[in-house]
């Protein structure tokens, strides 16, 4: 990475870290996806003393190898709603049970420079767990999720995150064909529930790993 580019992102992440800390989030920094994975699996998760874990759908977590690592770790009871062969009813039941795990893991659709998490969900299980239920929450965010403010976050989610996610999930929505949010009424619309997490309550319940690398969508 060129020095000027690295300096730019370091300064931006420094400011975001300060804002998140002021907003009662616990913050850790990582330079790479590999380092972020180690922080989650070897530091943050063990510190929670979690016995049960689950996660929201996330290309970021998948790229870190966290799904596989937790699924193959016998010290945790994992509630994985994405395991092959599940019926839709079984997937939904696991998502409901996941709202009461000891630790829930996810990424975020956008993260503001002022230390706020902005997310948009289809079923609401991911934002539900972020808001209330699990005793601990771990959020991993690549630098590409960082935006200036709430207005930019809302735009990023609808313009940059939602259409590619609909494509990834093979949804039958207008944005899959046009590449733009059409504010559709499709039965498979993935944009249903917004959340803005301004502060962590209780303090440090939500832990954020900031990664100086582009991750996820």
N, C-alpha and C. Protein backbone atom coordinates (compact mmCIF):
# COMPACT_ATOMS: atom_id res chain seq x y z
N UNK A 1 0.85 -1.19 0.00
CA UNK A 1 0.00 0.00 0.00
C UNK A 1 0.88 1.25 0.00
N UNK A 2 0.57 2.23 -0.85
CA UNK A 2 1.34 3.46 -0.88
C UNK A 2 1.23 4.18 0.46
N UNK A 3 2.30 4.89 0.83
CA UNK A 3 2.33 5.54 2.13
C UNK A 3 1.22 6.56 2.30
N UNK A 4 0.95 7.35 1.24
CA UNK A 4 -0.09 8.37 1.37
C UNK A 4 -1.47 7.75 1.58
N UNK A 5 -1.72 6.64 0.91
CA UNK A 5 -3.01 5.96 1.05
C UNK A 5 -3.13 5.36 2.45
N UNK A 6 -2.08 4.75 2.91
CA UNK A 6 -2.08 4.18 4.25
C UNK A 6 -2.27 5.27 5.30
N UNK A 7 -1.61 6.41 5.10
CA UNK A 7 -1.74 7.52 6.04
C UNK A 7 -3.17 8.04 6.08
N UNK A 8 -3.79 8.14 4.89
CA UNK A 8 -5.18 8.60 4.81
C UNK A 8 -6.10 7.72 5.64
N UNK A 9 -6.01 6.40 5.41
CA UNK A 9 -6.91 5.49 6.11
C UNK A 9 -6.58 5.39 7.60
N UNK A 10 -5.32 5.50 7.94
CA UNK A 10 -4.95 5.47 9.36
C UNK A 10 -5.57 6.64 10.10
N UNK A 11 -5.52 7.82 9.50
CA UNK A 11 -6.12 9.00 10.12
C UNK A 11 -7.63 8.86 10.25
N UNK A 12 -8.26 8.36 9.21
CA UNK A 12 -9.72 8.19 9.24
C UNK A 12 -10.12 7.17 10.31
N UNK A 13 -9.40 6.07 10.37
CA UNK A 13 -9.71 5.03 11.36
C UNK A 13 -9.39 5.50 12.77
N UNK A 14 -8.35 6.32 12.93
CA UNK A 14 -8.04 6.90 14.24
C UNK A 14 -9.23 7.70 14.77
N UNK A 15 -9.77 8.56 13.91
CA UNK A 15 -10.91 9.39 14.32
C UNK A 15 -12.13 8.53 14.64
N UNK A 16 -12.37 7.52 13.81
CA UNK A 16 -13.52 6.65 14.05
C UNK A 16 -13.36 5.88 15.35
N UNK A 17 -12.16 5.41 15.62
CA UNK A 17 -11.91 4.69 16.87
C UNK A 17 -12.21 5.57 18.08
N UNK A 18 -11.77 6.82 18.03
CA UNK A 18 -12.03 7.75 19.14
C UNK A 18 -13.53 7.96 19.32
N UNK A 19 -14.24 8.12 18.21
CA UNK A 19 -15.69 8.35 18.28
C UNK A 19 -16.41 7.13 18.82
N UNK A 20 -16.04 5.94 18.36
CA UNK A 20 -16.66 4.71 18.85
C UNK A 20 -16.41 4.53 20.34
N UNK A 21 -15.19 4.79 20.77
CA UNK A 21 -14.87 4.65 22.19
C UNK A 21 -15.69 5.63 23.03
N UNK A 22 -15.82 6.85 22.54
CA UNK A 22 -16.64 7.85 23.23
C UNK A 22 -18.10 7.40 23.31
N UNK A 23 -18.52 6.63 22.31
CA UNK A 23 -19.90 6.13 22.27
C UNK A 23 -20.07 4.79 22.98
N UNK A 24 -19.11 4.44 23.80
CA UNK A 24 -19.19 3.26 24.69
C UNK A 24 -18.98 1.92 24.01
N UNK A 25 -18.47 1.92 22.78
CA UNK A 25 -18.09 0.67 22.13
C UNK A 25 -16.67 0.29 22.56
N UNK A 26 -16.41 -1.00 22.64
CA UNK A 26 -15.05 -1.48 22.81
C UNK A 26 -14.45 -1.62 21.41
N UNK A 27 -13.27 -1.07 21.20
CA UNK A 27 -12.70 -1.02 19.85
C UNK A 27 -11.34 -1.71 19.81
N UNK A 28 -11.13 -2.49 18.76
CA UNK A 28 -9.83 -3.07 18.46
C UNK A 28 -9.48 -2.74 17.01
N UNK A 29 -8.20 -2.63 16.72
CA UNK A 29 -7.74 -2.29 15.37
C UNK A 29 -6.96 -3.44 14.76
N UNK A 30 -7.11 -3.62 13.46
CA UNK A 30 -6.37 -4.64 12.74
C UNK A 30 -5.94 -4.07 11.39
N UNK A 31 -4.76 -4.45 10.94
CA UNK A 31 -4.27 -3.99 9.65
C UNK A 31 -4.73 -4.90 8.51
N UNK A 32 -5.00 -6.15 8.82
CA UNK A 32 -5.37 -7.12 7.79
C UNK A 32 -6.53 -7.99 8.26
N UNK A 33 -7.14 -8.68 7.30
CA UNK A 33 -8.22 -9.61 7.63
C UNK A 33 -7.72 -10.72 8.54
N UNK A 34 -6.51 -11.20 8.27
CA UNK A 34 -5.95 -12.27 9.09
C UNK A 34 -5.78 -11.83 10.54
N UNK A 35 -5.29 -10.62 10.73
CA UNK A 35 -5.13 -10.10 12.09
C UNK A 35 -6.49 -9.91 12.76
N UNK A 36 -7.47 -9.44 12.01
CA UNK A 36 -8.82 -9.26 12.55
C UNK A 36 -9.40 -10.59 13.02
N UNK A 37 -9.19 -11.64 12.23
CA UNK A 37 -9.67 -12.97 12.63
C UNK A 37 -9.05 -13.42 13.93
N UNK A 38 -7.75 -13.17 14.10
CA UNK A 38 -7.08 -13.56 15.34
C UNK A 38 -7.63 -12.78 16.53
N UNK A 39 -7.89 -11.49 16.33
CA UNK A 39 -8.43 -10.67 17.42
C UNK A 39 -9.79 -11.20 17.86
N UNK A 40 -10.62 -11.56 16.89
CA UNK A 40 -11.95 -12.08 17.23
C UNK A 40 -11.86 -13.43 17.94
N UNK A 41 -11.11 -14.36 17.36
CA UNK A 41 -11.10 -15.74 17.85
C UNK A 41 -10.22 -15.95 19.07
N UNK A 42 -9.13 -15.19 19.17
CA UNK A 42 -8.17 -15.42 20.24
C UNK A 42 -8.24 -14.42 21.38
N UNK A 43 -8.93 -13.30 21.15
CA UNK A 43 -8.99 -12.26 22.18
C UNK A 43 -10.41 -11.93 22.61
N UNK A 44 -11.19 -11.39 21.69
CA UNK A 44 -12.51 -10.88 22.06
C UNK A 44 -13.47 -11.98 22.47
N UNK A 45 -13.57 -13.02 21.65
CA UNK A 45 -14.53 -14.09 21.95
C UNK A 45 -14.19 -14.81 23.25
N UNK A 46 -12.94 -15.23 23.49
CA UNK A 46 -12.62 -15.87 24.76
C UNK A 46 -12.92 -14.98 25.97
N UNK A 47 -12.73 -13.67 25.82
CA UNK A 47 -12.97 -12.75 26.93
C UNK A 47 -14.44 -12.70 27.34
N UNK A 48 -15.34 -13.04 26.42
CA UNK A 48 -16.77 -13.04 26.75
C UNK A 48 -17.18 -14.27 27.55
N UNK A 49 -16.32 -15.29 27.55
CA UNK A 49 -16.63 -16.58 28.20
C UNK A 49 -17.91 -17.19 27.62
N UNK A 50 -18.13 -16.95 26.34
CA UNK A 50 -19.34 -17.44 25.68
C UNK A 50 -19.33 -18.96 25.55
N UNK A 51 -20.50 -19.53 25.72
CA UNK A 51 -20.71 -20.96 25.46
C UNK A 51 -21.50 -21.17 24.17
N UNK A 52 -22.39 -20.24 23.89
CA UNK A 52 -23.21 -20.32 22.67
C UNK A 52 -22.91 -19.13 21.77
N UNK A 53 -22.78 -19.39 20.47
CA UNK A 53 -22.47 -18.31 19.52
C UNK A 53 -23.31 -18.48 18.26
N UNK A 54 -23.55 -17.36 17.61
CA UNK A 54 -24.22 -17.38 16.31
C UNK A 54 -23.77 -16.14 15.54
N UNK A 55 -24.25 -16.01 14.31
CA UNK A 55 -23.78 -14.90 13.48
C UNK A 55 -24.81 -14.54 12.43
N UNK A 56 -24.70 -13.31 11.95
CA UNK A 56 -25.51 -12.86 10.83
C UNK A 56 -24.78 -13.10 9.53
N UNK A 57 -25.52 -13.15 8.44
CA UNK A 57 -24.90 -13.34 7.14
C UNK A 57 -23.92 -12.22 6.83
N UNK A 58 -22.68 -12.57 6.49
CA UNK A 58 -21.65 -11.55 6.31
C UNK A 58 -20.53 -12.07 5.43
N UNK A 59 -20.28 -11.39 4.33
CA UNK A 59 -19.13 -11.73 3.50
C UNK A 59 -17.83 -11.42 4.22
N UNK A 60 -17.87 -10.42 5.11
CA UNK A 60 -16.69 -10.08 5.90
C UNK A 60 -16.29 -11.23 6.80
N UNK A 61 -17.23 -11.74 7.59
CA UNK A 61 -16.92 -12.85 8.49
C UNK A 61 -16.50 -14.09 7.72
N UNK A 62 -17.14 -14.31 6.59
CA UNK A 62 -16.78 -15.48 5.77
C UNK A 62 -15.34 -15.37 5.29
N UNK A 63 -14.93 -14.17 4.86
CA UNK A 63 -13.57 -13.98 4.35
C UNK A 63 -12.53 -14.13 5.45
N UNK A 64 -12.92 -13.90 6.70
CA UNK A 64 -12.01 -14.06 7.83
C UNK A 64 -11.90 -15.51 8.27
N UNK A 65 -12.76 -16.38 7.74
CA UNK A 65 -12.74 -17.79 8.14
C UNK A 65 -13.40 -18.05 9.47
N UNK A 66 -14.18 -17.09 9.95
CA UNK A 66 -14.77 -17.21 11.28
C UNK A 66 -15.88 -18.25 11.32
N UNK A 67 -16.69 -18.33 10.27
CA UNK A 67 -17.74 -19.35 10.23
C UNK A 67 -17.16 -20.74 10.44
N UNK A 68 -16.16 -21.08 9.64
CA UNK A 68 -15.58 -22.42 9.70
C UNK A 68 -14.88 -22.65 11.04
N UNK A 69 -14.17 -21.64 11.52
CA UNK A 69 -13.43 -21.79 12.77
C UNK A 69 -14.37 -22.10 13.93
N UNK A 70 -15.47 -21.38 14.02
CA UNK A 70 -16.41 -21.59 15.13
C UNK A 70 -17.17 -22.89 14.97
N UNK A 71 -17.54 -23.22 13.75
CA UNK A 71 -18.29 -24.46 13.51
C UNK A 71 -17.47 -25.69 13.87
N UNK A 72 -16.14 -25.57 13.79
CA UNK A 72 -15.27 -26.71 14.08
C UNK A 72 -14.63 -26.65 15.46
N UNK A 73 -15.08 -25.70 16.29
CA UNK A 73 -14.52 -25.55 17.64
C UNK A 73 -15.49 -26.13 18.65
N UNK A 74 -15.12 -27.23 19.27
CA UNK A 74 -16.02 -27.96 20.16
C UNK A 74 -16.34 -27.22 21.46
N UNK A 75 -15.59 -26.18 21.77
CA UNK A 75 -15.87 -25.46 23.02
C UNK A 75 -17.10 -24.56 22.90
N UNK A 76 -17.59 -24.36 21.67
CA UNK A 76 -18.77 -23.53 21.47
C UNK A 76 -19.94 -24.33 20.91
N UNK A 77 -21.13 -24.02 21.40
CA UNK A 77 -22.35 -24.49 20.74
C UNK A 77 -22.70 -23.44 19.70
N UNK A 78 -22.63 -23.81 18.44
CA UNK A 78 -22.87 -22.84 17.37
C UNK A 78 -24.27 -23.02 16.79
N UNK A 79 -24.96 -21.90 16.65
CA UNK A 79 -26.26 -21.89 16.00
C UNK A 79 -26.07 -21.27 14.62
N UNK A 80 -25.98 -22.13 13.62
CA UNK A 80 -25.68 -21.70 12.26
C UNK A 80 -26.91 -21.82 11.38
N UNK A 81 -27.57 -20.70 11.08
CA UNK A 81 -28.78 -20.76 10.25
C UNK A 81 -28.49 -20.98 8.78
N UNK A 82 -27.21 -21.01 8.41
CA UNK A 82 -26.85 -21.11 7.00
C UNK A 82 -26.28 -22.48 6.63
N UNK A 83 -26.36 -23.43 7.53
CA UNK A 83 -25.83 -24.76 7.22
C UNK A 83 -26.68 -25.42 6.13
N UNK A 84 -26.05 -26.16 5.24
CA UNK A 84 -26.76 -26.77 4.11
C UNK A 84 -27.85 -27.73 4.56
N UNK A 85 -28.91 -27.78 3.77
CA UNK A 85 -29.96 -28.76 4.00
C UNK A 85 -31.09 -28.32 4.90
N UNK A 86 -31.00 -27.12 5.46
CA UNK A 86 -32.06 -26.64 6.34
C UNK A 86 -33.27 -26.16 5.53
N UNK A 87 -34.46 -26.45 6.04
CA UNK A 87 -35.66 -25.87 5.45
C UNK A 87 -35.75 -24.41 5.90
N UNK A 88 -36.61 -23.64 5.25
CA UNK A 88 -36.77 -22.24 5.65
C UNK A 88 -37.27 -22.15 7.08
N UNK A 89 -38.16 -23.05 7.46
CA UNK A 89 -38.68 -23.05 8.83
C UNK A 89 -37.57 -23.32 9.84
N UNK A 90 -36.69 -24.24 9.51
CA UNK A 90 -35.56 -24.54 10.40
C UNK A 90 -34.60 -23.36 10.49
N UNK A 91 -34.35 -22.71 9.37
CA UNK A 91 -33.48 -21.53 9.37
C UNK A 91 -34.06 -20.43 10.26
N UNK A 92 -35.35 -20.20 10.15
CA UNK A 92 -35.98 -19.15 10.94
C UNK A 92 -35.96 -19.48 12.43
N UNK A 93 -36.14 -20.74 12.76
CA UNK A 93 -36.11 -21.14 14.17
C UNK A 93 -34.72 -20.94 14.77
N UNK A 94 -33.68 -21.27 14.01
CA UNK A 94 -32.32 -21.05 14.50
C UNK A 94 -32.06 -19.55 14.67
N UNK A 95 -32.55 -18.75 13.76
CA UNK A 95 -32.38 -17.30 13.89
C UNK A 95 -33.08 -16.77 15.14
N UNK A 96 -34.22 -17.32 15.46
CA UNK A 96 -34.91 -16.90 16.69
C UNK A 96 -34.09 -17.29 17.92
N UNK A 97 -33.60 -18.50 17.94
CA UNK A 97 -32.80 -18.96 19.07
C UNK A 97 -31.50 -18.17 19.20
N UNK A 98 -30.98 -17.71 18.06
CA UNK A 98 -29.73 -16.95 18.07
C UNK A 98 -29.85 -15.62 18.79
N UNK A 99 -31.06 -15.15 19.00
CA UNK A 99 -31.25 -13.88 19.70
C UNK A 99 -30.92 -13.99 21.19
N UNK A 100 -30.68 -15.22 21.67
CA UNK A 100 -30.38 -15.41 23.09
C UNK A 100 -29.02 -16.08 23.31
N UNK A 101 -28.14 -16.05 22.31
CA UNK A 101 -26.82 -16.64 22.50
C UNK A 101 -25.96 -15.73 23.37
N UNK A 102 -24.84 -16.29 23.82
CA UNK A 102 -23.91 -15.50 24.63
C UNK A 102 -23.19 -14.45 23.79
N UNK A 103 -22.84 -14.81 22.56
CA UNK A 103 -22.12 -13.86 21.70
C UNK A 103 -22.59 -13.99 20.25
N UNK A 104 -22.89 -12.86 19.65
CA UNK A 104 -23.37 -12.81 18.27
C UNK A 104 -22.36 -12.01 17.45
N UNK A 105 -22.05 -12.51 16.25
CA UNK A 105 -21.07 -11.86 15.39
C UNK A 105 -21.70 -11.39 14.08
N UNK A 106 -21.26 -10.25 13.60
CA UNK A 106 -21.78 -9.70 12.35
C UNK A 106 -20.83 -8.64 11.82
N UNK A 107 -21.13 -8.12 10.65
CA UNK A 107 -20.45 -6.93 10.16
C UNK A 107 -21.46 -5.80 10.23
N UNK A 108 -21.18 -4.71 9.57
CA UNK A 108 -22.12 -3.59 9.53
C UNK A 108 -22.19 -3.07 8.10
N UNK A 109 -23.36 -2.58 7.70
CA UNK A 109 -23.49 -2.07 6.34
C UNK A 109 -22.75 -0.75 6.15
N UNK A 110 -22.71 0.04 7.22
CA UNK A 110 -21.99 1.31 7.16
C UNK A 110 -21.60 1.73 8.58
N UNK A 111 -20.53 2.50 8.65
CA UNK A 111 -20.01 2.98 9.93
C UNK A 111 -19.61 4.44 9.73
N UNK A 112 -20.18 5.31 10.55
CA UNK A 112 -19.90 6.73 10.36
C UNK A 112 -18.62 7.16 11.07
N UNK A 113 -18.06 8.24 10.58
CA UNK A 113 -16.86 8.82 11.18
C UNK A 113 -17.14 9.26 12.61
N UNK A 114 -18.41 9.46 12.94
CA UNK A 114 -18.81 9.87 14.29
C UNK A 114 -19.12 8.67 15.18
N UNK A 115 -18.81 7.47 14.71
CA UNK A 115 -18.91 6.29 15.57
C UNK A 115 -20.30 5.71 15.71
N UNK A 116 -21.06 5.67 14.62
CA UNK A 116 -22.40 5.10 14.65
C UNK A 116 -22.52 4.00 13.60
N UNK A 117 -23.23 2.92 13.95
CA UNK A 117 -23.42 1.80 13.05
C UNK A 117 -24.78 1.92 12.36
N UNK A 118 -24.79 1.77 11.04
CA UNK A 118 -26.03 1.87 10.27
C UNK A 118 -26.24 0.58 9.50
N UNK A 119 -27.42 -0.03 9.69
CA UNK A 119 -27.70 -1.33 9.07
C UNK A 119 -29.11 -1.40 8.53
N UNK A 120 -29.28 -2.27 7.53
CA UNK A 120 -30.57 -2.49 6.89
C UNK A 120 -30.74 -3.99 6.66
N UNK A 121 -31.84 -4.55 7.13
CA UNK A 121 -32.05 -6.00 7.12
C UNK A 121 -33.30 -6.40 6.35
N UNK A 122 -33.30 -7.64 5.90
CA UNK A 122 -34.49 -8.22 5.29
C UNK A 122 -35.42 -8.78 6.36
N UNK A 123 -34.94 -9.76 7.13
CA UNK A 123 -35.79 -10.40 8.14
C UNK A 123 -35.68 -9.73 9.50
N UNK A 124 -34.59 -9.02 9.75
CA UNK A 124 -34.43 -8.31 11.02
C UNK A 124 -33.68 -9.09 12.08
N UNK A 125 -33.27 -10.32 11.78
CA UNK A 125 -32.58 -11.11 12.81
C UNK A 125 -31.22 -10.51 13.15
N UNK A 126 -30.52 -10.00 12.16
CA UNK A 126 -29.18 -9.46 12.38
C UNK A 126 -29.23 -8.16 13.20
N UNK A 127 -30.09 -7.24 12.78
CA UNK A 127 -30.20 -5.98 13.53
C UNK A 127 -30.88 -6.19 14.87
N UNK A 128 -31.75 -7.20 14.94
CA UNK A 128 -32.37 -7.53 16.22
C UNK A 128 -31.35 -7.96 17.24
N UNK A 129 -30.43 -8.83 16.83
CA UNK A 129 -29.39 -9.31 17.74
C UNK A 129 -28.42 -8.20 18.11
N UNK A 130 -28.13 -7.32 17.17
CA UNK A 130 -27.26 -6.19 17.47
C UNK A 130 -27.89 -5.29 18.53
N UNK A 131 -29.20 -5.14 18.47
CA UNK A 131 -29.90 -4.21 19.35
C UNK A 131 -30.11 -4.78 20.75
N UNK A 132 -30.55 -6.05 20.84
CA UNK A 132 -30.89 -6.62 22.16
C UNK A 132 -30.93 -8.14 22.06
N UNK A 133 -30.55 -8.78 23.15
CA UNK A 133 -30.64 -10.24 23.22
C UNK A 133 -29.34 -10.88 23.61
N UNK A 134 -28.42 -11.08 22.66
CA UNK A 134 -27.12 -11.66 23.00
C UNK A 134 -26.39 -10.81 24.05
N UNK A 135 -25.68 -11.50 24.94
CA UNK A 135 -24.96 -10.78 26.00
C UNK A 135 -23.81 -9.95 25.42
N UNK A 136 -23.21 -10.45 24.36
CA UNK A 136 -22.09 -9.76 23.73
C UNK A 136 -22.28 -9.77 22.22
N UNK A 137 -21.79 -8.72 21.57
CA UNK A 137 -21.86 -8.61 20.12
C UNK A 137 -20.49 -8.19 19.60
N UNK A 138 -20.02 -8.86 18.56
CA UNK A 138 -18.75 -8.50 17.93
C UNK A 138 -19.03 -8.11 16.48
N UNK A 139 -18.61 -6.90 16.12
CA UNK A 139 -18.80 -6.37 14.78
C UNK A 139 -17.43 -6.20 14.12
N UNK A 140 -17.26 -6.74 12.93
CA UNK A 140 -16.02 -6.56 12.17
C UNK A 140 -16.32 -5.67 10.97
N UNK A 141 -15.57 -4.58 10.84
CA UNK A 141 -15.85 -3.62 9.77
C UNK A 141 -14.58 -3.27 9.02
N UNK A 142 -14.57 -3.53 7.71
CA UNK A 142 -13.48 -3.08 6.86
C UNK A 142 -13.58 -1.59 6.62
N UNK A 143 -12.48 -0.98 6.21
CA UNK A 143 -12.44 0.47 6.03
C UNK A 143 -13.39 0.95 4.95
N UNK A 144 -13.77 0.07 4.02
CA UNK A 144 -14.70 0.46 2.96
C UNK A 144 -16.10 0.75 3.48
N UNK A 145 -16.39 0.37 4.72
CA UNK A 145 -17.70 0.66 5.31
C UNK A 145 -17.77 2.06 5.92
N UNK A 146 -16.62 2.74 6.00
CA UNK A 146 -16.53 4.02 6.69
C UNK A 146 -17.05 5.16 5.82
N UNK A 147 -17.96 5.96 6.39
CA UNK A 147 -18.53 7.12 5.70
C UNK A 147 -18.55 8.31 6.65
N UNK A 148 -18.86 9.48 6.11
CA UNK A 148 -18.78 10.70 6.91
C UNK A 148 -19.86 10.78 7.98
N UNK A 149 -21.11 10.56 7.59
CA UNK A 149 -22.21 10.81 8.51
C UNK A 149 -23.40 9.89 8.19
N UNK A 150 -24.49 10.09 8.92
CA UNK A 150 -25.68 9.25 8.75
C UNK A 150 -26.23 9.33 7.33
N UNK A 151 -26.28 10.53 6.79
CA UNK A 151 -26.81 10.69 5.42
C UNK A 151 -26.00 9.88 4.43
N UNK A 152 -24.68 9.94 4.54
CA UNK A 152 -23.82 9.16 3.65
C UNK A 152 -23.98 7.66 3.90
N UNK A 153 -24.22 7.31 5.16
CA UNK A 153 -24.40 5.89 5.50
C UNK A 153 -25.67 5.34 4.85
N UNK A 154 -26.75 6.09 4.95
CA UNK A 154 -28.01 5.65 4.34
C UNK A 154 -27.84 5.48 2.83
N UNK A 155 -27.13 6.41 2.22
CA UNK A 155 -26.89 6.32 0.78
C UNK A 155 -26.02 5.12 0.45
N UNK A 156 -24.96 4.90 1.23
CA UNK A 156 -24.07 3.77 0.96
C UNK A 156 -24.83 2.45 1.02
N UNK A 157 -25.67 2.30 2.02
CA UNK A 157 -26.38 1.04 2.20
C UNK A 157 -27.28 0.75 1.00
N UNK A 158 -28.05 1.75 0.58
CA UNK A 158 -28.99 1.54 -0.53
C UNK A 158 -28.28 1.48 -1.89
N UNK A 159 -27.21 2.26 -2.05
CA UNK A 159 -26.56 2.35 -3.36
C UNK A 159 -25.46 1.31 -3.56
N UNK A 160 -24.67 1.06 -2.51
CA UNK A 160 -23.50 0.20 -2.67
C UNK A 160 -23.67 -1.19 -2.08
N UNK A 161 -24.45 -1.31 -1.00
CA UNK A 161 -24.55 -2.60 -0.32
C UNK A 161 -25.76 -3.43 -0.77
N UNK A 162 -26.92 -2.80 -0.85
CA UNK A 162 -28.14 -3.56 -1.09
C UNK A 162 -28.19 -4.25 -2.46
N UNK A 163 -27.95 -3.55 -3.57
CA UNK A 163 -28.02 -4.25 -4.87
C UNK A 163 -27.05 -5.43 -4.99
N UNK A 164 -25.77 -5.28 -4.63
CA UNK A 164 -24.88 -6.45 -4.70
C UNK A 164 -25.32 -7.59 -3.79
N UNK A 165 -25.86 -7.25 -2.61
CA UNK A 165 -26.33 -8.31 -1.72
C UNK A 165 -27.52 -9.04 -2.31
N UNK A 166 -28.42 -8.31 -2.95
CA UNK A 166 -29.56 -8.96 -3.61
C UNK A 166 -29.08 -9.87 -4.73
N UNK A 167 -28.05 -9.42 -5.45
CA UNK A 167 -27.46 -10.26 -6.51
C UNK A 167 -26.82 -11.51 -5.92
N UNK A 168 -26.09 -11.32 -4.82
CA UNK A 168 -25.41 -12.44 -4.18
C UNK A 168 -26.40 -13.49 -3.71
N UNK A 169 -27.55 -13.05 -3.25
CA UNK A 169 -28.57 -13.95 -2.72
C UNK A 169 -29.52 -14.45 -3.80
N UNK A 170 -29.29 -14.02 -5.04
CA UNK A 170 -30.10 -14.43 -6.19
C UNK A 170 -31.57 -14.09 -5.99
N UNK A 171 -31.82 -12.87 -5.53
CA UNK A 171 -33.18 -12.42 -5.29
C UNK A 171 -33.82 -11.93 -6.59
N UNK A 172 -35.14 -12.02 -6.63
CA UNK A 172 -35.89 -11.53 -7.79
C UNK A 172 -36.38 -10.12 -7.47
N UNK A 173 -35.45 -9.17 -7.54
CA UNK A 173 -35.77 -7.77 -7.25
C UNK A 173 -35.28 -6.89 -8.39
N UNK A 174 -35.88 -5.72 -8.58
CA UNK A 174 -35.48 -4.84 -9.68
C UNK A 174 -34.00 -4.46 -9.65
N UNK A 175 -33.43 -4.27 -8.46
CA UNK A 175 -32.04 -3.82 -8.38
C UNK A 175 -31.07 -4.84 -8.93
N UNK A 176 -31.46 -6.10 -8.95
CA UNK A 176 -30.61 -7.14 -9.53
C UNK A 176 -30.42 -6.91 -11.03
N UNK A 177 -31.46 -6.35 -11.66
CA UNK A 177 -31.39 -6.10 -13.11
C UNK A 177 -30.79 -4.73 -13.44
N UNK A 178 -31.05 -3.73 -12.57
CA UNK A 178 -30.63 -2.37 -12.90
C UNK A 178 -29.34 -1.94 -12.20
N UNK A 179 -29.04 -2.57 -11.05
CA UNK A 179 -27.88 -2.16 -10.27
C UNK A 179 -28.15 -0.99 -9.35
N UNK A 180 -29.40 -0.50 -9.37
CA UNK A 180 -29.78 0.63 -8.53
C UNK A 180 -30.97 0.27 -7.65
N UNK A 181 -31.04 0.86 -6.47
CA UNK A 181 -32.23 0.67 -5.62
C UNK A 181 -33.43 1.31 -6.31
N UNK A 182 -34.50 0.53 -6.42
CA UNK A 182 -35.73 1.02 -7.05
C UNK A 182 -36.85 1.20 -6.02
N UNK A 183 -36.50 1.10 -4.72
CA UNK A 183 -37.49 1.18 -3.64
C UNK A 183 -38.68 0.29 -3.97
N UNK A 184 -38.38 -0.98 -4.23
CA UNK A 184 -39.35 -1.90 -4.81
C UNK A 184 -40.37 -2.42 -3.80
N UNK A 185 -41.37 -3.09 -4.34
CA UNK A 185 -42.38 -3.77 -3.52
C UNK A 185 -42.30 -5.27 -3.75
N UNK A 186 -41.15 -5.75 -4.15
CA UNK A 186 -40.97 -7.17 -4.43
C UNK A 186 -41.15 -8.01 -3.17
N UNK A 187 -41.76 -9.20 -3.28
CA UNK A 187 -41.84 -10.11 -2.13
C UNK A 187 -40.47 -10.51 -1.60
N UNK A 188 -39.44 -10.40 -2.44
CA UNK A 188 -38.09 -10.76 -2.02
C UNK A 188 -37.23 -9.54 -1.69
N UNK A 189 -37.86 -8.39 -1.51
CA UNK A 189 -37.14 -7.17 -1.11
C UNK A 189 -36.29 -7.45 0.13
N UNK A 190 -35.02 -7.06 0.11
CA UNK A 190 -34.15 -7.30 1.26
C UNK A 190 -34.00 -6.07 2.16
N UNK A 191 -34.63 -4.96 1.77
CA UNK A 191 -34.49 -3.70 2.52
C UNK A 191 -35.76 -3.41 3.31
N UNK A 192 -35.80 -3.89 4.55
CA UNK A 192 -37.04 -3.77 5.32
C UNK A 192 -36.89 -3.06 6.67
N UNK A 193 -35.82 -3.31 7.38
CA UNK A 193 -35.69 -2.76 8.72
C UNK A 193 -34.35 -2.05 8.90
N UNK A 194 -34.43 -0.74 9.16
CA UNK A 194 -33.24 0.06 9.44
C UNK A 194 -32.94 0.09 10.93
N UNK A 195 -31.65 0.14 11.27
CA UNK A 195 -31.25 0.48 12.64
C UNK A 195 -30.05 1.42 12.59
N UNK A 196 -30.03 2.35 13.53
CA UNK A 196 -28.87 3.21 13.74
C UNK A 196 -28.44 3.02 15.19
N UNK A 197 -27.28 2.46 15.39
CA UNK A 197 -26.76 2.21 16.73
C UNK A 197 -25.82 3.35 17.09
N UNK A 198 -26.31 4.27 17.92
CA UNK A 198 -25.53 5.46 18.25
C UNK A 198 -24.53 5.20 19.37
N UNK A 199 -24.90 4.34 20.31
CA UNK A 199 -24.02 4.01 21.43
C UNK A 199 -24.22 2.56 21.82
N UNK A 200 -23.21 1.99 22.46
CA UNK A 200 -23.34 0.63 22.99
C UNK A 200 -23.94 0.70 24.38
N UNK A 201 -25.02 -0.04 24.58
CA UNK A 201 -25.62 -0.16 25.92
C UNK A 201 -25.99 -1.61 26.14
N UNK A 202 -25.50 -2.17 27.26
CA UNK A 202 -24.57 -1.60 28.22
C UNK A 202 -23.22 -1.26 27.58
N UNK A 203 -22.43 -0.49 28.31
CA UNK A 203 -21.12 -0.07 27.82
C UNK A 203 -20.28 -1.28 27.45
N UNK A 204 -19.71 -1.24 26.25
CA UNK A 204 -18.82 -2.27 25.70
C UNK A 204 -19.50 -3.62 25.44
N UNK A 205 -20.83 -3.65 25.50
CA UNK A 205 -21.52 -4.87 25.05
C UNK A 205 -21.19 -5.13 23.59
N UNK A 206 -21.14 -4.07 22.80
CA UNK A 206 -20.79 -4.19 21.38
C UNK A 206 -19.31 -3.87 21.20
N UNK A 207 -18.60 -4.84 20.63
CA UNK A 207 -17.18 -4.67 20.36
C UNK A 207 -16.98 -4.55 18.85
N UNK A 208 -16.19 -3.58 18.44
CA UNK A 208 -15.98 -3.31 17.02
C UNK A 208 -14.51 -3.50 16.65
N UNK A 209 -14.27 -4.32 15.64
CA UNK A 209 -12.92 -4.50 15.10
C UNK A 209 -12.83 -3.70 13.80
N UNK A 210 -12.02 -2.66 13.82
CA UNK A 210 -11.80 -1.83 12.64
C UNK A 210 -10.61 -2.38 11.86
N UNK A 211 -10.81 -2.63 10.57
CA UNK A 211 -9.78 -3.27 9.76
C UNK A 211 -9.32 -2.33 8.65
N UNK A 212 -8.02 -2.11 8.56
CA UNK A 212 -7.46 -1.23 7.54
C UNK A 212 -7.31 -1.97 6.20
N UNK A 213 -8.44 -2.50 5.76
CA UNK A 213 -8.49 -3.28 4.52
C UNK A 213 -9.95 -3.31 4.07
N UNK A 214 -10.19 -3.32 2.77
CA UNK A 214 -11.55 -3.44 2.27
C UNK A 214 -12.05 -4.86 2.50
N UNK A 215 -13.21 -4.97 3.14
CA UNK A 215 -13.79 -6.28 3.44
C UNK A 215 -15.29 -6.25 3.18
N UNK A 216 -15.82 -7.32 2.62
CA UNK A 216 -17.26 -7.43 2.43
C UNK A 216 -17.80 -6.45 1.41
N UNK A 217 -19.11 -6.25 1.49
CA UNK A 217 -19.81 -5.39 0.52
C UNK A 217 -20.17 -4.05 1.16
